[in-house]
C-alpha atoms as a PDB file:
ATOM      1  CA  MET A   1      -0.422  -0.214   0.146  1.00  0.00           C
ATOM      2  CA  LYS A   2       1.350   3.530  -1.009  1.00  0.00           C
ATOM      3  CA  GLU A   3       1.384   5.711   1.984  1.00  0.00           C
ATOM      4  CA  ALA A   4       2.156   9.728   1.983  1.00  0.00           C
ATOM      5  CA  VAL A   5       2.957  11.745   5.236  1.00  0.00           C
ATOM      6  CA  ILE A   6       2.689  15.800   4.530  1.00  0.00           C
ATOM      7  CA  ILE A   7       4.360  17.912   7.002  1.00  0.00           C
ATOM      8  CA  HIS A   8       3.927  20.968   7.972  1.00  0.00           C
ATOM      9  CA  LEU A   9       5.234  24.705   8.386  1.00  0.00           C
ATOM     10  CA  TRP A  10       5.625  26.727  11.281  1.00  0.00           C
ATOM     11  CA  GLU A  11       3.008  27.569  12.592  1.00  0.00           C
ATOM     12  CA  GLY A  12       1.202  25.741   9.925  1.00  0.00           C
ATOM     13  CA  TYR A  13      -1.782  22.460  10.635  1.00  0.00           C
ATOM     14  CA  PRO A  14      -3.004  19.942   8.390  1.00  0.00           C
ATOM     15  CA  GLU A  15      -5.511  22.288   6.916  1.00  0.00           C
ATOM     16  CA  TYR A  16      -3.568  24.826   5.298  1.00  0.00           C
ATOM     17  CA  CYS A  17      -2.534  26.062   1.820  1.00  0.00           C
ATOM     18  CA  TRP A  18      -1.993  23.226  -0.179  1.00  0.00           C
ATOM     19  CA  TYR A  19      -1.468  19.975   2.081  1.00  0.00           C
ATOM     20  CA  GLN A  20      -6.044  18.945   1.490  1.00  0.00           C
ATOM     21  CA  ASP A  21      -5.178  19.915  -2.137  1.00  0.00           C
ATOM     22  CA  THR A  22      -2.149  17.390  -2.818  1.00  0.00           C
ATOM     23  CA  LYS A  23      -3.377  14.778  -0.361  1.00  0.00           C
ATOM     24  CA  ARG A  24      -6.496  14.843  -2.466  1.00  0.00           C
ATOM     25  CA  GLU A  25      -3.815  14.023  -5.514  1.00  0.00           C
ATOM     26  CA  LEU A  26      -2.142  11.450  -3.793  1.00  0.00           C
ATOM     27  CA  GLU A  27      -5.455   9.727  -3.135  1.00  0.00           C
ATOM     28  CA  GLN A  28      -6.475   9.592  -6.801  1.00  0.00           C
ATOM     29  CA  LEU A  29      -3.235   7.862  -7.183  1.00  0.00           C
ATOM     30  CA  GLY A  30      -4.124   4.816  -4.885  1.00  0.00           C
ATOM     31  CA  PHE A  31      -1.884   6.911  -1.717  1.00  0.00           C
ATOM     32  CA  VAL A  32      -3.037   6.787   1.810  1.00  0.00           C
ATOM     33  CA  VAL A  33      -2.099  10.222   3.262  1.00  0.00           C
ATOM     34  CA  TYR A  34      -1.230  11.698   6.439  1.00  0.00           C
ATOM     35  CA  ILE A  35      -0.917  15.323   6.921  1.00  0.00           C
ATOM     36  CA  PRO A  36      -0.290  15.175  11.527  1.00  0.00           C
ATOM     37  CA  GLN A  37      -0.876  18.027  13.401  1.00  0.00           C
ATOM     38  CA  MET A  38       2.710  18.861  14.510  1.00  0.00           C
ATOM     39  CA  PRO A  39       3.264  19.591  18.372  1.00  0.00           C
ATOM     40  CA  LYS A  40       3.171  23.532  19.453  1.00  0.00           C
ATOM     41  CA  PRO A  41       3.253  24.321  15.098  1.00  0.00           C
ATOM     42  CA  ASN A  42       4.392  27.913  16.943  1.00  0.00           C
ATOM     43  CA  LEU A  43       7.234  26.109  18.845  1.00  0.00           C
ATOM     44  CA  PRO A  44       8.752  23.653  16.752  1.00  0.00           C
ATOM     45  CA  LYS A  45      11.231  21.069  18.233  1.00  0.00           C
ATOM     46  CA  MET A  46      12.948  18.934  17.008  1.00  0.00           C
ATOM     47  CA  ASP A  47      13.058  15.900  19.243  1.00  0.00           C
ATOM     48  CA  ARG A  48       9.070  16.695  19.612  1.00  0.00           C
ATOM     49  CA  TRP A  49       8.275  16.453  15.827  1.00  0.00           C
ATOM     50  CA  MET A  50      10.799  13.079  14.791  1.00  0.00           C
ATOM     51  CA  SER A  51       8.938  10.964  17.431  1.00  0.00           C
ATOM     52  CA  THR A  52       5.688  12.136  16.337  1.00  0.00           C
ATOM     53  CA  LEU A  53       6.780  11.606  12.623  1.00  0.00           C
ATOM     54  CA  ARG A  54       7.777   8.271  13.860  1.00  0.00           C
ATOM     55  CA  ASP A  55       4.303   7.342  15.582  1.00  0.00           C
ATOM     56  CA  ILE A  56       2.877   8.154  12.104  1.00  0.00           C
ATOM     57  CA  ILE A  57       5.284   6.241   9.772  1.00  0.00           C
ATOM     58  CA  GLY A  58       5.400   3.290  11.953  1.00  0.00           C
ATOM     59  CA  GLU A  59       8.213   1.453   9.538  1.00  0.00           C
ATOM     60  CA  PRO A  60       9.645   3.038   7.004  1.00  0.00           C
ATOM     61  CA  SER A  61       9.020   0.888   3.645  1.00  0.00           C
ATOM     62  CA  ASP A  62       9.933   1.739  -0.201  1.00  0.00           C
ATOM     63  CA  ASP A  63       6.196   2.455  -0.426  1.00  0.00           C
ATOM     64  CA  LEU A  64       6.036   5.450   1.756  1.00  0.00           C
ATOM     65  CA  TYR A  65       6.099   9.117   0.071  1.00  0.00           C
ATOM     66  CA  LEU A  66       7.516  11.814   2.335  1.00  0.00           C
ATOM     67  CA  ILE A  67       6.646  15.484   1.784  1.00  0.00           C
ATOM     68  CA  GLY A  68       7.678  17.947   4.410  1.00  0.00           C
ATOM     69  CA  HIS A  69       6.873  22.557   4.133  1.00  0.00           C
ATOM     70  CA  SER A  70       9.751  24.741   5.324  1.00  0.00           C
ATOM     71  CA  ILE A  71      10.645  23.204   9.044  1.00  0.00           C
ATOM     72  CA  GLY A  72       8.458  20.119   7.893  1.00  0.00           C
ATOM     73  CA  ALA A  73      10.983  19.397   4.986  1.00  0.00           C
ATOM     74  CA  VAL A  74      14.016  19.671   7.319  1.00  0.00           C
ATOM     75  CA  THR A  75      12.092  17.611  10.132  1.00  0.00           C
ATOM     76  CA  ILE A  76      12.647  15.210   7.037  1.00  0.00           C
ATOM     77  CA  LEU A  77      15.941  15.168   6.328  1.00  0.00           C
ATOM     78  CA  ARG A  78      16.871  14.998  10.610  1.00  0.00           C
ATOM     79  CA  TYR A  79      14.095  11.542  10.418  1.00  0.00           C
ATOM     80  CA  LEU A  80      16.228  10.476   7.340  1.00  0.00           C
ATOM     81  CA  GLU A  81      19.407  10.953   8.799  1.00  0.00           C
ATOM     82  CA  SER A  82      18.372   9.129  12.116  1.00  0.00           C
ATOM     83  CA  LEU A  83      17.164   5.612  10.041  1.00  0.00           C
ATOM     84  CA  VAL A  84      19.230   2.689  10.500  1.00  0.00           C
ATOM     85  CA  ASP A  85      21.451   2.078   7.202  1.00  0.00           C
ATOM     86  CA  SER A  86      19.247  -0.751   6.089  1.00  0.00           C
ATOM     87  CA  LYS A  87      16.171   1.064   5.683  1.00  0.00           C
ATOM     88  CA  ARG A  88      15.174   3.732   3.336  1.00  0.00           C
ATOM     89  CA  VAL A  89      11.564   5.017   1.784  1.00  0.00           C
ATOM     90  CA  GLY A  90      10.417   5.605  -1.973  1.00  0.00           C
ATOM     91  CA  GLY A  91      10.715   9.198  -1.836  1.00  0.00           C
ATOM     92  CA  VAL A  92      11.134  12.560  -0.762  1.00  0.00           C
ATOM     93  CA  VAL A  93      10.045  16.403  -1.524  1.00  0.00           C
ATOM     94  CA  LEU A  94      10.793  19.234   0.303  1.00  0.00           C
ATOM     95  CA  VAL A  95       9.112  22.679  -0.213  1.00  0.00           C
ATOM     96  CA  ALA A  96      11.102  25.661   0.877  1.00  0.00           C
ATOM     97  CA  GLY A  97      13.359  23.501   2.678  1.00  0.00           C
ATOM     98  CA  PHE A  98      17.001  25.188   4.286  1.00  0.00           C
ATOM     99  CA  THR A  99      19.940  23.179   5.832  1.00  0.00           C
ATOM    100  CA  ASP A 100      20.822  25.630   8.555  1.00  0.00           C
ATOM    101  CA  ASP A 101      18.695  28.296  11.016  1.00  0.00           C
ATOM    102  CA  MET A 102      19.152  31.358   9.025  1.00  0.00           C
ATOM    103  CA  GLY A 103      19.471  33.446  12.072  1.00  0.00           C
ATOM    104  CA  TYR A 104      15.833  32.456  13.290  1.00  0.00           C
ATOM    105  CA  ASP A 105      16.309  31.144  17.215  1.00  0.00           C
ATOM    106  CA  VAL A 106      13.218  29.332  16.704  1.00  0.00           C
ATOM    107  CA  PHE A 107      14.999  26.904  14.432  1.00  0.00           C
ATOM    108  CA  SER A 108      18.335  26.678  15.614  1.00  0.00           C
ATOM    109  CA  ASN A 109      17.631  23.436  18.083  1.00  0.00           C
ATOM    110  CA  PHE A 110      16.902  21.092  14.515  1.00  0.00           C
ATOM    111  CA  PHE A 111      20.797  22.375  13.372  1.00  0.00           C
ATOM    112  CA  ALA A 112      22.416  21.626  16.947  1.00  0.00           C
ATOM    113  CA  GLN A 113      24.891  19.329  14.524  1.00  0.00           C
ATOM    114  CA  PRO A 114      25.362  20.298  10.587  1.00  0.00           C
ATOM    115  CA  LEU A 115      22.210  18.005   8.054  1.00  0.00           C
ATOM    116  CA  ARG A 116      24.832  14.690   7.586  1.00  0.00           C
ATOM    117  CA  PHE A 117      23.439  14.203   3.572  1.00  0.00           C
ATOM    118  CA  GLU A 118      26.377  11.521   2.579  1.00  0.00           C
ATOM    119  CA  LYS A 119      23.611   9.515   4.879  1.00  0.00           C
ATOM    120  CA  ILE A 120      20.586  11.254   4.134  1.00  0.00           C
ATOM    121  CA  LYS A 121      20.865  11.103   0.325  1.00  0.00           C
ATOM    122  CA  ASN A 122      20.574   6.948   0.463  1.00  0.00           C
ATOM    123  CA  LYS A 123      17.731   6.883   3.004  1.00  0.00           C
ATOM    124  CA  ALA A 124      14.740   7.908  -0.525  1.00  0.00           C
ATOM    125  CA  ARG A 125      14.927   6.335  -3.980  1.00  0.00           C
ATOM    126  CA  ASN A 126      14.054   9.925  -4.821  1.00  0.00           C
ATOM    127  CA  PHE A 127      14.572  13.545  -4.269  1.00  0.00           C
ATOM    128  CA  THR A 128      12.795  16.622  -5.729  1.00  0.00           C
ATOM    129  CA  VAL A 129      13.726  19.993  -4.672  1.00  0.00           C
ATOM    130  CA  ILE A 130      10.353  22.758  -4.628  1.00  0.00           C
ATOM    131  CA  VAL A 131      11.900  26.650  -4.110  1.00  0.00           C
ATOM    132  CA  SER A 132       9.994  29.960  -5.064  1.00  0.00           C
ATOM    133  CA  ASP A 133      12.269  32.704  -6.345  1.00  0.00           C
ATOM    134  CA  ASP A 134      10.431  35.378  -3.977  1.00  0.00           C
ATOM    135  CA  ASP A 135      10.560  33.375  -0.832  1.00  0.00           C
ATOM    136  CA  PRO A 136      10.647  36.418   1.748  1.00  0.00           C
ATOM    137  CA  TYR A 137      12.171  33.643   4.240  1.00  0.00           C
ATOM    138  CA  ILE A 138      14.234  31.098   2.512  1.00  0.00           C
ATOM    139  CA  ASP A 139      17.091  32.746  -0.138  1.00  0.00           C
ATOM    140  CA  MET A 140      17.131  29.887  -3.187  1.00  0.00           C
ATOM    141  CA  LYS A 141      20.585  28.919  -2.693  1.00  0.00           C
ATOM    142  CA  TYR A 142      18.805  26.358   0.298  1.00  0.00           C
ATOM    143  CA  GLY A 143      17.307  25.052  -2.854  1.00  0.00           C
ATOM    144  CA  TYR A 144      20.231  24.435  -4.455  1.00  0.00           C
ATOM    145  CA  GLU A 145      21.773  23.578  -2.226  1.00  0.00           C
ATOM    146  CA  LEU A 146      19.685  20.527  -1.359  1.00  0.00           C
ATOM    147  CA  SER A 147      19.174  19.740  -4.364  1.00  0.00           C
ATOM    148  CA  ARG A 148      22.662  19.151  -4.962  1.00  0.00           C
ATOM    149  CA  GLU A 149      23.755  17.379  -2.155  1.00  0.00           C
ATOM    150  CA  LEU A 150      20.416  15.046  -2.326  1.00  0.00           C
ATOM    151  CA  ASN A 151      21.166  14.447  -6.464  1.00  0.00           C
ATOM    152  CA  GLY A 152      17.788  15.351  -6.477  1.00  0.00           C
ATOM    153  CA  GLU A 153      15.808  17.329  -9.099  1.00  0.00           C
ATOM    154  CA  LEU A 154      14.928  20.739  -8.336  1.00  0.00           C
ATOM    155  CA  ILE A 155      11.668  23.205  -9.151  1.00  0.00           C
ATOM    156  CA  VAL A 156      12.076  26.779  -9.403  1.00  0.00           C
ATOM    157  CA  LYS A 157       8.504  28.383  -8.851  1.00  0.00           C
ATOM    158  CA  LYS A 158       7.909  32.020  -9.913  1.00  0.00           C
ATOM    159  CA  GLY A 159       5.989  34.152  -7.528  1.00  0.00           C
ATOM    160  CA  MET A 160       4.627  31.658  -5.421  1.00  0.00           C
ATOM    161  CA  LYS A 161       6.766  33.515  -1.914  1.00  0.00           C
ATOM    162  CA  HIS A 162       7.133  31.083   0.437  1.00  0.00           C
ATOM    163  CA  MET A 163       3.981  28.573  -0.949  1.00  0.00           C
ATOM    164  CA  SER A 164       2.200  29.077   1.935  1.00  0.00           C
ATOM    165  CA  GLN A 165      -0.868  31.789   2.637  1.00  0.00           C
ATOM    166  CA  GLY A 166      -2.688  32.203  -0.468  1.00  0.00           C
ATOM    167  CA  CYS A 167      -1.159  29.326  -1.816  1.00  0.00           C
ATOM    168  CA  ASN A 168      -4.235  26.425  -2.441  1.00  0.00           C
ATOM    169  CA  ASN A 169      -2.890  24.090  -4.641  1.00  0.00           C
ATOM    170  CA  LEU A 170       0.803  22.763  -5.358  1.00  0.00           C
ATOM    171  CA  PRO A 171       0.240  20.502  -8.507  1.00  0.00           C
ATOM    172  CA  ASP A 172       4.247  19.815  -8.319  1.00  0.00           C
ATOM    173  CA  VAL A 173       4.281  17.953  -5.009  1.00  0.00           C
ATOM    174  CA  ALA A 174       1.840  15.427  -6.546  1.00  0.00           C
ATOM    175  CA  PHE A 175       3.475  15.221  -9.712  1.00  0.00           C
ATOM    176  CA  ALA A 176       7.131  14.828  -7.845  1.00  0.00           C
ATOM    177  CA  VAL A 177       5.841  11.713  -6.320  1.00  0.00           C
ATOM    178  CA  ARG A 178       4.102  10.150  -9.464  1.00  0.00           C
ATOM    179  CA  LYS A 179       7.338  11.002 -11.617  1.00  0.00           C
ATOM    180  CA  ASN A 180       9.364   9.210  -8.034  1.00  0.00           C
ATOM    181  CA  ILE A 181       7.225   6.437  -7.805  1.00  0.00           C
ATOM    182  CA  THR A 182       7.949   5.939 -12.104  1.00  0.00           C
ATOM    183  CA  GLN A 183      11.748   6.099 -12.088  1.00  0.00           C
ATOM    184  CA  GLY A 184      11.754   3.752  -8.887  1.00  0.00           C
ATOM    185  CA  LYS A 185       9.771   1.107 -11.163  1.00  0.00           C
END
């Protein structure tokens, strides 16, 4: 059974922005989709968010696709980094992800140690990174860095800001998952 987990952004919730639309698109492809409410979304703590993600996932498999938005993308990267060598997932889509705390104290607990990309990149068959050319929070350099470090596809959206407020659909996410499935066969 194909499953997908969507992890929302800082101050987010499951019904926010493009999450429900993406859930419907993936369900039409036969996925069971989970969009958990992450604990204390206004003050994200890596250990709590990782625990919630682990509880939702249970046992990772090649039929699992992870989708993260902003700090949700970082949560997924940390989750992948924590997997034992024999475990991996089918694919990962990172929307407006980043690789350091960018000067935001609220994110510093996610970056006590640098991301270990050598380990992370072997934990999924495919990675897709989606960024906007005018994101007011996340510099495009992070998208380039993530796609390079993960050997992933980079999709640059025009004028989509942080792909949050007012962004009620983001078909690139479901398209990336569908493409990952095709490439994985």
